[in-house]
Protein backbone atom coordinates (compact mmCIF):
# COMPACT_ATOMS: atom_id res chain seq x y z
CA UNK A 1 23.31 38.26 7.69
CA UNK A 2 20.07 38.63 9.41
CA UNK A 3 17.93 38.11 5.85
CA UNK A 4 19.68 34.14 5.75
CA UNK A 5 18.86 33.80 9.19
CA UNK A 6 15.01 35.09 9.00
CA UNK A 7 14.68 32.89 5.87
CA UNK A 8 16.15 29.93 7.26
CA UNK A 9 13.81 30.12 10.59
CA UNK A 10 11.01 30.65 8.00
CA UNK A 11 11.98 27.64 6.08
CA UNK A 12 11.83 25.31 9.09
CA UNK A 13 8.46 27.12 10.39
CA UNK A 14 7.35 26.11 6.84
CA UNK A 15 8.81 22.73 6.68
CA UNK A 16 7.08 20.78 9.86
CA UNK A 17 4.22 21.79 11.48
CA UNK A 18 2.88 19.09 14.15
CA UNK A 19 -0.57 20.41 14.23
CA UNK A 20 -1.54 19.95 10.26
CA UNK A 21 0.22 16.73 9.55
CA UNK A 22 -3.08 14.15 9.43
CA UNK A 23 -3.70 12.06 6.28
CA UNK A 24 -7.16 13.67 6.28
CA UNK A 25 -9.90 12.36 3.86
CA UNK A 26 -7.85 11.52 0.99
CA UNK A 27 -5.48 9.35 2.95
CA UNK A 28 -8.77 7.27 3.93
CA UNK A 29 -10.36 6.93 0.67
CA UNK A 30 -7.28 5.57 -0.55
CA UNK A 31 -6.78 2.87 2.22
CA UNK A 32 -10.46 1.75 1.77
CA UNK A 33 -9.40 1.34 -1.85
CA UNK A 34 -6.89 -0.66 -0.81
CA UNK A 35 -9.24 -2.64 1.40
CA UNK A 36 -11.66 -3.41 -1.59
CA UNK A 37 -9.39 -3.92 -3.92
CA UNK A 38 -7.21 -6.69 -1.98
CA UNK A 39 -10.46 -8.19 -1.20
CA UNK A 40 -11.52 -8.50 -4.99
CA UNK A 41 -8.31 -10.06 -5.37
CA UNK A 42 -8.94 -12.77 -2.95
CA UNK A 43 -11.77 -13.37 -4.44
CA UNK A 44 -10.73 -13.66 -7.33
CA UNK A 45 -7.72 -15.92 -6.43
CA UNK A 46 -9.96 -18.36 -4.69
CA UNK A 47 -11.93 -18.82 -7.51
CA UNK A 48 -9.35 -19.73 -9.78
CA UNK A 49 -8.20 -22.47 -6.62
CA UNK A 50 -11.26 -23.95 -7.24
CA UNK A 51 -11.11 -24.20 -10.73
CA UNK A 52 -7.68 -26.28 -10.83
CA UNK A 53 -7.88 -29.91 -11.49
CA UNK A 54 -4.84 -31.28 -10.35
CA UNK A 55 -4.39 -35.13 -9.79
CA UNK A 56 -0.72 -36.36 -9.12
CA UNK A 57 0.49 -39.11 -10.38
CA UNK A 58 3.54 -41.54 -9.45
CA UNK A 59 6.98 -41.15 -10.86
CA UNK A 60 7.87 -43.90 -12.99
CA UNK A 61 11.46 -44.38 -11.75
CA UNK A 62 14.32 -44.11 -14.33
CA UNK A 63 15.49 -47.64 -15.67
């Protein structure tokens, strides 16, 4: 009986340690990569919008 209690206690100790939960360098690199990718996508989108040539014509009423 004491073995199962010790295993449960060990599992909870390994599952959560508030001192070791950090995003670290990998989280920072991924976050910066997403920011750079967003910047390039917005720059590309602005270029595409500038290429649009749209003139609205009045609607012809149906007879």
